[in-house]
Amino acid sequence: MSTATLAPTGTWSVDAAHSKVGFAVKHLGIATVRGEFKEFEGTLEIGENLASSRAFGKVKTASIDTGEAGRDDHLRSGDFFNAETNPEITFESTSIEQLDEDVLKITGNLTINGVTNEETFHAEIQGTESDPWGNERVGLEITGQLNRGDYDMKFNQMLGSGNTLVSDKVKLAIDISAVKAS
């Protein structure tokens, strides 16, 4: 079955100045630490139907920013992202399905820390608009969840309460504004 796409066909490039790749993880089992990656790029190729559409992107692991320099340095180390050896996180979709009027299910291969796993994310299309300079744009809010242990990030410490220092569960919140190629 061929499903019409929700965004106009064409190639769309992520506008990093108007986008954000964010995440949240529990610390001590009680508080949420949020962060983002400052350097990233991505492309959406929207075909005549979802079967011919693709999404892919890259994130520079060294660009991690949680607002605390010491924590960021630790996250860049071999305990987590090993940024020197694995400078990029990559994603390439393998399928895109329409869940309802404005939500897509995007499944693909995510590589973090040299480990590749299949992950599924949900993308809510926020709409399309032309900016004052004549560029056609599409907005998406992408959410998902992954387990950092699946990517060989096993650093942790058990606390007396039974909680862990850092949760294995990581929530993703990605806001995208993409510009259609002319």
N, C-alpha and C. Protein backbone atom coordinates (compact mmCIF):
# COMPACT_ATOMS: atom_id res chain seq x y z
N MET A 1 0.84 -1.18 0.00
CA MET A 1 0.00 0.00 0.00
C MET A 1 0.88 1.24 0.00
N SER A 2 0.57 2.17 -0.82
CA SER A 2 1.32 3.39 -0.98
C SER A 2 0.61 4.51 -0.23
N THR A 3 1.32 5.17 0.68
CA THR A 3 0.72 6.24 1.47
C THR A 3 1.30 7.57 1.04
N ALA A 4 0.46 8.54 0.78
CA ALA A 4 0.93 9.87 0.42
C ALA A 4 1.70 10.46 1.59
N THR A 5 2.71 11.25 1.27
CA THR A 5 3.51 11.84 2.33
C THR A 5 2.80 13.06 2.92
N LEU A 6 3.18 13.38 4.16
CA LEU A 6 2.60 14.52 4.86
C LEU A 6 3.32 15.82 4.53
N ALA A 7 4.55 15.74 4.07
CA ALA A 7 5.32 16.91 3.68
C ALA A 7 5.52 16.86 2.17
N PRO A 8 5.68 18.03 1.55
CA PRO A 8 5.91 18.03 0.11
C PRO A 8 7.17 17.24 -0.26
N THR A 9 7.15 16.63 -1.44
CA THR A 9 8.28 15.84 -1.91
C THR A 9 9.50 16.73 -2.11
N GLY A 10 10.65 16.10 -2.04
CA GLY A 10 11.89 16.83 -2.26
C GLY A 10 12.92 16.49 -1.20
N THR A 11 14.06 17.15 -1.27
CA THR A 11 15.14 16.97 -0.31
C THR A 11 15.16 18.16 0.63
N TRP A 12 15.15 17.85 1.91
CA TRP A 12 15.09 18.86 2.97
C TRP A 12 16.34 18.75 3.82
N SER A 13 17.03 19.87 4.05
CA SER A 13 18.24 19.89 4.88
C SER A 13 17.92 20.53 6.23
N VAL A 14 18.37 19.88 7.30
CA VAL A 14 18.14 20.40 8.64
C VAL A 14 18.86 21.74 8.80
N ASP A 15 18.15 22.72 9.29
CA ASP A 15 18.69 24.04 9.60
C ASP A 15 19.09 24.02 11.08
N ALA A 16 20.38 23.81 11.33
CA ALA A 16 20.86 23.65 12.71
C ALA A 16 20.61 24.88 13.57
N ALA A 17 20.56 26.06 12.97
CA ALA A 17 20.32 27.28 13.74
C ALA A 17 18.91 27.34 14.30
N HIS A 18 18.00 26.57 13.73
CA HIS A 18 16.61 26.57 14.18
C HIS A 18 16.16 25.18 14.61
N SER A 19 17.11 24.34 14.99
CA SER A 19 16.82 22.95 15.38
C SER A 19 17.58 22.62 16.66
N LYS A 20 17.20 21.52 17.29
CA LYS A 20 17.87 21.10 18.52
C LYS A 20 17.83 19.58 18.64
N VAL A 21 18.98 19.00 19.01
CA VAL A 21 19.07 17.56 19.28
C VAL A 21 19.28 17.43 20.79
N GLY A 22 18.20 17.13 21.50
CA GLY A 22 18.25 17.09 22.95
C GLY A 22 17.99 15.71 23.52
N PHE A 23 18.37 15.54 24.80
CA PHE A 23 18.16 14.28 25.50
C PHE A 23 17.94 14.56 26.98
N ALA A 24 17.40 13.57 27.66
CA ALA A 24 17.17 13.66 29.10
C ALA A 24 17.44 12.30 29.72
N VAL A 25 18.08 12.30 30.89
CA VAL A 25 18.39 11.06 31.59
C VAL A 25 18.25 11.32 33.10
N LYS A 26 17.79 10.32 33.82
CA LYS A 26 17.65 10.44 35.28
C LYS A 26 19.01 10.33 35.95
N HIS A 27 19.24 11.18 36.94
CA HIS A 27 20.44 11.18 37.76
C HIS A 27 20.01 10.86 39.19
N LEU A 28 20.65 9.87 39.79
CA LEU A 28 20.35 9.41 41.15
C LEU A 28 18.93 8.83 41.26
N GLY A 29 18.28 8.61 40.11
CA GLY A 29 16.93 8.08 40.12
C GLY A 29 15.86 9.09 40.49
N ILE A 30 16.26 10.35 40.74
CA ILE A 30 15.28 11.33 41.22
C ILE A 30 15.25 12.63 40.44
N ALA A 31 16.32 12.98 39.75
CA ALA A 31 16.39 14.25 39.03
C ALA A 31 16.68 14.00 37.56
N THR A 32 16.16 14.86 36.71
CA THR A 32 16.39 14.72 35.28
C THR A 32 17.47 15.70 34.84
N VAL A 33 18.50 15.18 34.19
CA VAL A 33 19.55 16.00 33.59
C VAL A 33 19.26 16.06 32.09
N ARG A 34 19.24 17.27 31.57
CA ARG A 34 18.98 17.47 30.14
C ARG A 34 20.25 18.00 29.47
N GLY A 35 20.37 17.67 28.21
CA GLY A 35 21.51 18.15 27.45
C GLY A 35 21.18 18.17 25.98
N GLU A 36 22.15 18.62 25.22
CA GLU A 36 21.97 18.67 23.77
C GLU A 36 23.33 18.54 23.09
N PHE A 37 23.26 18.27 21.81
CA PHE A 37 24.44 18.27 20.96
C PHE A 37 24.37 19.53 20.13
N LYS A 38 25.44 20.29 20.11
CA LYS A 38 25.44 21.60 19.43
C LYS A 38 25.77 21.50 17.94
N GLU A 39 26.44 20.40 17.53
CA GLU A 39 26.83 20.26 16.12
C GLU A 39 26.18 19.02 15.52
N PHE A 40 25.38 19.24 14.49
CA PHE A 40 24.67 18.13 13.84
C PHE A 40 24.22 18.55 12.46
N GLU A 41 23.86 17.56 11.67
CA GLU A 41 23.31 17.80 10.33
C GLU A 41 22.35 16.66 10.01
N GLY A 42 21.46 16.92 9.08
CA GLY A 42 20.52 15.88 8.70
C GLY A 42 19.84 16.21 7.39
N THR A 43 19.29 15.18 6.78
CA THR A 43 18.60 15.33 5.51
C THR A 43 17.35 14.45 5.51
N LEU A 44 16.29 14.97 4.96
CA LEU A 44 15.06 14.20 4.72
C LEU A 44 14.85 14.16 3.22
N GLU A 45 14.66 12.97 2.70
CA GLU A 45 14.33 12.82 1.28
C GLU A 45 12.91 12.30 1.23
N ILE A 46 11.99 13.17 0.85
CA ILE A 46 10.57 12.82 0.83
C ILE A 46 10.19 12.46 -0.61
N GLY A 47 9.81 11.20 -0.80
CA GLY A 47 9.42 10.72 -2.12
C GLY A 47 7.93 10.84 -2.34
N GLU A 48 7.47 10.31 -3.45
CA GLU A 48 6.04 10.35 -3.78
C GLU A 48 5.21 9.55 -2.77
N ASN A 49 5.86 8.59 -2.09
CA ASN A 49 5.18 7.83 -1.04
C ASN A 49 6.21 7.53 0.05
N LEU A 50 5.73 7.08 1.20
CA LEU A 50 6.63 6.87 2.33
C LEU A 50 7.65 5.77 2.08
N ALA A 51 7.32 4.80 1.25
CA ALA A 51 8.25 3.71 0.96
C ALA A 51 9.52 4.23 0.27
N SER A 52 9.41 5.34 -0.43
CA SER A 52 10.58 5.89 -1.13
C SER A 52 11.20 7.07 -0.37
N SER A 53 10.80 7.29 0.87
CA SER A 53 11.32 8.39 1.68
C SER A 53 12.42 7.89 2.61
N ARG A 54 13.37 8.79 2.93
CA ARG A 54 14.49 8.43 3.81
C ARG A 54 14.82 9.60 4.73
N ALA A 55 15.42 9.27 5.87
CA ALA A 55 15.92 10.28 6.81
C ALA A 55 17.29 9.83 7.29
N PHE A 56 18.24 10.74 7.34
CA PHE A 56 19.54 10.39 7.88
C PHE A 56 20.19 11.62 8.48
N GLY A 57 21.09 11.37 9.44
CA GLY A 57 21.75 12.48 10.10
C GLY A 57 23.00 12.07 10.84
N LYS A 58 23.76 13.09 11.26
CA LYS A 58 25.01 12.90 12.01
C LYS A 58 25.04 13.92 13.13
N VAL A 59 25.61 13.48 14.27
CA VAL A 59 25.81 14.35 15.42
C VAL A 59 27.28 14.24 15.82
N LYS A 60 27.92 15.35 16.11
CA LYS A 60 29.31 15.35 16.61
C LYS A 60 29.26 15.10 18.12
N THR A 61 29.82 13.97 18.56
CA THR A 61 29.74 13.62 19.98
C THR A 61 30.47 14.62 20.87
N ALA A 62 31.55 15.22 20.39
CA ALA A 62 32.30 16.18 21.21
C ALA A 62 31.50 17.46 21.47
N SER A 63 30.41 17.67 20.74
CA SER A 63 29.61 18.89 20.90
C SER A 63 28.57 18.78 22.01
N ILE A 64 28.64 17.71 22.82
CA ILE A 64 27.67 17.52 23.90
C ILE A 64 27.74 18.68 24.90
N ASP A 65 26.57 19.12 25.36
CA ASP A 65 26.50 20.24 26.30
C ASP A 65 25.36 20.00 27.28
N THR A 66 25.72 19.79 28.54
CA THR A 66 24.72 19.63 29.60
C THR A 66 24.74 20.82 30.55
N GLY A 67 25.55 21.82 30.23
CA GLY A 67 25.64 22.99 31.08
C GLY A 67 26.63 22.83 32.22
N GLU A 68 27.38 21.74 32.25
CA GLU A 68 28.35 21.47 33.32
C GLU A 68 29.60 20.88 32.66
N ALA A 69 30.66 21.67 32.59
CA ALA A 69 31.87 21.30 31.85
C ALA A 69 32.48 19.97 32.30
N GLY A 70 32.56 19.72 33.60
CA GLY A 70 33.14 18.47 34.09
C GLY A 70 32.33 17.27 33.66
N ARG A 71 31.01 17.37 33.73
CA ARG A 71 30.14 16.28 33.29
C ARG A 71 30.28 16.07 31.79
N ASP A 72 30.35 17.17 31.03
CA ASP A 72 30.50 17.05 29.57
C ASP A 72 31.80 16.34 29.21
N ASP A 73 32.89 16.67 29.91
CA ASP A 73 34.16 16.00 29.66
C ASP A 73 34.04 14.50 29.97
N HIS A 74 33.35 14.15 31.06
CA HIS A 74 33.17 12.74 31.40
C HIS A 74 32.33 12.04 30.32
N LEU A 75 31.30 12.71 29.82
CA LEU A 75 30.46 12.11 28.77
C LEU A 75 31.23 11.90 27.47
N ARG A 76 32.23 12.72 27.21
CA ARG A 76 33.06 12.56 26.01
C ARG A 76 34.07 11.42 26.16
N SER A 77 34.30 10.97 27.40
CA SER A 77 35.33 9.96 27.70
C SER A 77 34.89 8.55 27.30
N GLY A 78 35.79 7.60 27.49
CA GLY A 78 35.52 6.20 27.20
C GLY A 78 34.42 5.59 28.05
N ASP A 79 34.04 6.22 29.16
CA ASP A 79 32.93 5.72 29.98
C ASP A 79 31.59 5.87 29.27
N PHE A 80 31.51 6.82 28.32
CA PHE A 80 30.25 7.08 27.62
C PHE A 80 30.45 7.09 26.11
N PHE A 81 30.60 8.27 25.49
CA PHE A 81 30.61 8.38 24.03
C PHE A 81 31.95 8.07 23.38
N ASN A 82 33.05 8.10 24.16
CA ASN A 82 34.36 7.84 23.59
C ASN A 82 34.56 8.70 22.34
N ALA A 83 34.36 10.01 22.50
CA ALA A 83 34.31 10.95 21.38
C ALA A 83 35.58 10.97 20.53
N GLU A 84 36.73 10.71 21.12
CA GLU A 84 37.96 10.74 20.34
C GLU A 84 37.98 9.60 19.32
N THR A 85 37.54 8.41 19.73
CA THR A 85 37.52 7.25 18.84
C THR A 85 36.26 7.21 17.98
N ASN A 86 35.14 7.67 18.52
CA ASN A 86 33.85 7.64 17.83
C ASN A 86 33.30 9.06 17.77
N PRO A 87 33.79 9.87 16.83
CA PRO A 87 33.43 11.29 16.80
C PRO A 87 32.00 11.60 16.35
N GLU A 88 31.28 10.60 15.81
CA GLU A 88 29.92 10.87 15.32
C GLU A 88 28.93 9.82 15.78
N ILE A 89 27.71 10.29 15.98
CA ILE A 89 26.54 9.43 16.10
C ILE A 89 25.85 9.53 14.75
N THR A 90 25.46 8.40 14.18
CA THR A 90 24.79 8.45 12.88
C THR A 90 23.45 7.72 12.94
N PHE A 91 22.53 8.15 12.09
CA PHE A 91 21.23 7.49 11.94
C PHE A 91 20.88 7.45 10.47
N GLU A 92 20.37 6.29 10.03
CA GLU A 92 19.84 6.17 8.67
C GLU A 92 18.59 5.33 8.73
N SER A 93 17.49 5.89 8.23
CA SER A 93 16.21 5.19 8.29
C SER A 93 16.19 3.96 7.38
N THR A 94 15.43 2.97 7.80
CA THR A 94 15.18 1.78 6.97
C THR A 94 13.71 1.70 6.58
N SER A 95 12.84 2.37 7.35
CA SER A 95 11.43 2.45 6.98
C SER A 95 10.78 3.65 7.65
N ILE A 96 9.80 4.21 6.95
CA ILE A 96 9.01 5.32 7.48
C ILE A 96 7.56 4.95 7.24
N GLU A 97 6.77 4.96 8.32
CA GLU A 97 5.35 4.61 8.24
C GLU A 97 4.51 5.74 8.82
N GLN A 98 3.32 5.92 8.28
CA GLN A 98 2.39 6.92 8.80
C GLN A 98 1.53 6.27 9.87
N LEU A 99 1.52 6.87 11.07
CA LEU A 99 0.71 6.35 12.17
C LEU A 99 -0.66 7.00 12.22
N ASP A 100 -0.71 8.30 11.98
CA ASP A 100 -1.99 9.00 11.88
C ASP A 100 -1.79 10.24 11.02
N GLU A 101 -2.70 11.17 11.11
CA GLU A 101 -2.71 12.32 10.20
C GLU A 101 -1.38 13.08 10.15
N ASP A 102 -0.70 13.22 11.31
CA ASP A 102 0.53 14.01 11.31
C ASP A 102 1.69 13.36 12.07
N VAL A 103 1.63 12.05 12.31
CA VAL A 103 2.70 11.36 13.03
C VAL A 103 3.27 10.23 12.18
N LEU A 104 4.60 10.21 12.12
CA LEU A 104 5.31 9.17 11.39
C LEU A 104 6.09 8.30 12.38
N LYS A 105 6.24 7.04 12.04
CA LYS A 105 7.10 6.11 12.77
C LYS A 105 8.31 5.89 11.89
N ILE A 106 9.49 6.28 12.41
CA ILE A 106 10.73 6.18 11.65
C ILE A 106 11.62 5.13 12.31
N THR A 107 11.92 4.07 11.58
CA THR A 107 12.79 3.01 12.08
C THR A 107 14.08 3.05 11.28
N GLY A 108 15.20 2.82 11.97
CA GLY A 108 16.46 2.85 11.26
C GLY A 108 17.61 2.40 12.12
N ASN A 109 18.80 2.50 11.55
CA ASN A 109 20.03 2.08 12.22
C ASN A 109 20.70 3.28 12.87
N LEU A 110 20.85 3.18 14.20
CA LEU A 110 21.49 4.22 14.99
C LEU A 110 22.84 3.68 15.45
N THR A 111 23.90 4.44 15.19
CA THR A 111 25.24 4.05 15.61
C THR A 111 25.76 5.06 16.62
N ILE A 112 26.05 4.55 17.83
CA ILE A 112 26.62 5.35 18.91
C ILE A 112 27.77 4.55 19.50
N ASN A 113 28.88 5.22 19.74
CA ASN A 113 30.01 4.57 20.41
C ASN A 113 30.49 3.32 19.65
N GLY A 114 30.35 3.34 18.32
CA GLY A 114 30.79 2.22 17.50
C GLY A 114 29.85 1.04 17.45
N VAL A 115 28.67 1.16 18.08
CA VAL A 115 27.69 0.07 18.13
C VAL A 115 26.44 0.50 17.35
N THR A 116 25.94 -0.38 16.48
CA THR A 116 24.74 -0.07 15.69
C THR A 116 23.59 -0.94 16.14
N ASN A 117 22.45 -0.29 16.39
CA ASN A 117 21.21 -0.99 16.75
C ASN A 117 20.06 -0.38 15.97
N GLU A 118 19.02 -1.17 15.78
CA GLU A 118 17.80 -0.65 15.17
C GLU A 118 16.99 0.06 16.25
N GLU A 119 16.55 1.27 15.95
CA GLU A 119 15.74 2.07 16.87
C GLU A 119 14.53 2.61 16.12
N THR A 120 13.48 2.90 16.86
CA THR A 120 12.27 3.49 16.28
C THR A 120 11.95 4.79 16.99
N PHE A 121 11.64 5.81 16.21
CA PHE A 121 11.30 7.14 16.73
C PHE A 121 9.97 7.57 16.15
N HIS A 122 9.32 8.49 16.83
CA HIS A 122 8.08 9.07 16.33
C HIS A 122 8.33 10.52 15.95
N ALA A 123 7.86 10.91 14.78
CA ALA A 123 8.04 12.27 14.29
C ALA A 123 6.66 12.88 14.04
N GLU A 124 6.40 13.95 14.77
CA GLU A 124 5.15 14.68 14.56
C GLU A 124 5.45 15.86 13.65
N ILE A 125 4.80 15.88 12.50
CA ILE A 125 5.01 16.97 11.55
C ILE A 125 4.23 18.19 12.03
N GLN A 126 4.96 19.29 12.23
CA GLN A 126 4.37 20.52 12.75
C GLN A 126 3.78 21.39 11.64
N GLY A 127 4.14 21.10 10.40
CA GLY A 127 3.60 21.86 9.28
C GLY A 127 4.70 22.34 8.36
N THR A 128 4.27 23.05 7.31
CA THR A 128 5.20 23.65 6.35
C THR A 128 4.89 25.14 6.28
N GLU A 129 5.92 25.90 5.91
CA GLU A 129 5.76 27.35 5.82
C GLU A 129 6.88 27.90 4.96
N SER A 130 6.62 29.00 4.28
CA SER A 130 7.66 29.71 3.54
C SER A 130 8.19 30.83 4.43
N ASP A 131 9.52 30.93 4.54
CA ASP A 131 10.09 32.00 5.35
C ASP A 131 10.15 33.29 4.52
N PRO A 132 10.50 34.43 5.15
CA PRO A 132 10.51 35.71 4.42
C PRO A 132 11.49 35.77 3.24
N TRP A 133 12.43 34.81 3.15
CA TRP A 133 13.40 34.80 2.08
C TRP A 133 13.03 33.82 0.97
N GLY A 134 11.81 33.27 1.04
CA GLY A 134 11.32 32.40 0.00
C GLY A 134 11.69 30.93 0.15
N ASN A 135 12.27 30.56 1.29
CA ASN A 135 12.61 29.16 1.52
C ASN A 135 11.41 28.40 2.06
N GLU A 136 11.15 27.24 1.49
CA GLU A 136 10.09 26.38 2.01
C GLU A 136 10.67 25.56 3.16
N ARG A 137 9.94 25.50 4.28
CA ARG A 137 10.41 24.80 5.48
C ARG A 137 9.37 23.80 5.96
N VAL A 138 9.88 22.77 6.64
CA VAL A 138 9.01 21.82 7.32
C VAL A 138 9.52 21.69 8.75
N GLY A 139 8.60 21.58 9.70
CA GLY A 139 8.98 21.42 11.10
C GLY A 139 8.56 20.05 11.61
N LEU A 140 9.43 19.42 12.40
CA LEU A 140 9.14 18.11 12.98
C LEU A 140 9.58 18.09 14.44
N GLU A 141 8.82 17.41 15.27
CA GLU A 141 9.22 17.11 16.64
C GLU A 141 9.39 15.60 16.72
N ILE A 142 10.61 15.17 17.00
CA ILE A 142 10.94 13.74 17.01
C ILE A 142 11.22 13.31 18.44
N THR A 143 10.59 12.23 18.85
CA THR A 143 10.80 11.70 20.20
C THR A 143 11.14 10.22 20.13
N GLY A 144 11.82 9.77 21.15
CA GLY A 144 12.18 8.36 21.22
C GLY A 144 12.87 8.07 22.53
N GLN A 145 13.22 6.83 22.69
CA GLN A 145 13.89 6.38 23.90
C GLN A 145 14.85 5.27 23.53
N LEU A 146 15.99 5.25 24.21
CA LEU A 146 16.94 4.16 23.99
C LEU A 146 17.60 3.81 25.31
N ASN A 147 18.26 2.68 25.31
CA ASN A 147 19.02 2.23 26.47
C ASN A 147 20.50 2.42 26.17
N ARG A 148 21.17 3.23 26.97
CA ARG A 148 22.57 3.53 26.70
C ARG A 148 23.45 2.30 26.83
N GLY A 149 23.06 1.33 27.66
CA GLY A 149 23.83 0.09 27.79
C GLY A 149 23.89 -0.70 26.50
N ASP A 150 22.87 -0.52 25.63
CA ASP A 150 22.87 -1.19 24.32
C ASP A 150 23.99 -0.65 23.42
N TYR A 151 24.58 0.49 23.80
CA TYR A 151 25.63 1.13 23.03
C TYR A 151 26.96 1.11 23.79
N ASP A 152 27.12 0.09 24.62
CA ASP A 152 28.35 -0.14 25.37
C ASP A 152 28.72 1.04 26.28
N MET A 153 27.69 1.70 26.82
CA MET A 153 27.89 2.76 27.82
C MET A 153 27.43 2.19 29.15
N LYS A 154 28.32 1.51 29.81
CA LYS A 154 27.94 0.75 31.00
C LYS A 154 28.37 1.41 32.31
N PHE A 155 29.03 2.58 32.25
CA PHE A 155 29.45 3.26 33.47
C PHE A 155 28.24 3.49 34.36
N ASN A 156 28.37 3.14 35.64
CA ASN A 156 27.30 3.38 36.59
C ASN A 156 27.77 3.07 37.99
N GLN A 157 26.94 3.36 38.95
CA GLN A 157 27.22 3.05 40.35
C GLN A 157 25.88 2.84 41.05
N MET A 158 25.78 1.75 41.79
CA MET A 158 24.57 1.48 42.57
C MET A 158 24.60 2.33 43.84
N LEU A 159 23.45 2.86 44.20
CA LEU A 159 23.33 3.65 45.42
C LEU A 159 22.65 2.82 46.50
N GLY A 160 22.81 3.23 47.72
CA GLY A 160 22.25 2.50 48.86
C GLY A 160 20.74 2.32 48.77
N SER A 161 20.06 3.22 48.10
CA SER A 161 18.61 3.15 47.96
C SER A 161 18.16 2.12 46.94
N GLY A 162 19.11 1.64 46.13
CA GLY A 162 18.76 0.74 45.03
C GLY A 162 18.72 1.47 43.70
N ASN A 163 18.72 2.80 43.74
CA ASN A 163 18.78 3.59 42.51
C ASN A 163 20.20 3.51 41.94
N THR A 164 20.33 3.91 40.67
CA THR A 164 21.64 3.99 40.06
C THR A 164 22.04 5.45 39.90
N LEU A 165 23.33 5.69 39.78
CA LEU A 165 23.85 7.03 39.59
C LEU A 165 23.27 7.65 38.31
N VAL A 166 23.28 6.86 37.21
CA VAL A 166 22.79 7.32 35.91
C VAL A 166 21.84 6.26 35.35
N SER A 167 20.65 6.67 34.97
CA SER A 167 19.68 5.73 34.39
C SER A 167 20.19 5.17 33.06
N ASP A 168 19.79 3.94 32.76
CA ASP A 168 20.11 3.35 31.46
C ASP A 168 19.20 3.94 30.38
N LYS A 169 18.01 4.39 30.79
CA LYS A 169 17.02 4.91 29.85
C LYS A 169 17.33 6.36 29.49
N VAL A 170 17.42 6.64 28.20
CA VAL A 170 17.67 7.99 27.70
C VAL A 170 16.50 8.38 26.81
N LYS A 171 15.88 9.52 27.12
CA LYS A 171 14.79 10.03 26.29
C LYS A 171 15.34 11.07 25.32
N LEU A 172 14.90 10.97 24.08
CA LEU A 172 15.34 11.90 23.04
C LEU A 172 14.23 12.88 22.70
N ALA A 173 14.61 14.13 22.48
CA ALA A 173 13.67 15.17 22.06
C ALA A 173 14.39 16.01 21.01
N ILE A 174 14.00 15.83 19.76
CA ILE A 174 14.67 16.48 18.64
C ILE A 174 13.67 17.38 17.94
N ASP A 175 14.00 18.65 17.85
CA ASP A 175 13.16 19.62 17.15
C ASP A 175 13.87 20.01 15.87
N ILE A 176 13.19 19.83 14.75
CA ILE A 176 13.81 20.04 13.45
C ILE A 176 13.04 21.10 12.64
N SER A 177 13.80 22.01 12.08
CA SER A 177 13.32 22.89 11.03
C SER A 177 14.21 22.59 9.84
N ALA A 178 13.61 22.12 8.75
CA ALA A 178 14.38 21.75 7.57
C ALA A 178 13.96 22.59 6.38
N VAL A 179 14.94 22.92 5.56
CA VAL A 179 14.74 23.78 4.40
C VAL A 179 14.79 22.93 3.15
N LYS A 180 13.82 23.15 2.27
CA LYS A 180 13.77 22.39 1.01
C LYS A 180 14.85 22.91 0.05
N ALA A 181 15.58 21.94 -0.53
CA ALA A 181 16.61 22.30 -1.52
C ALA A 181 15.93 22.87 -2.75
N SER A 182 16.58 23.87 -3.34
CA SER A 182 15.97 24.51 -4.52
C SER A 182 16.29 23.74 -5.79
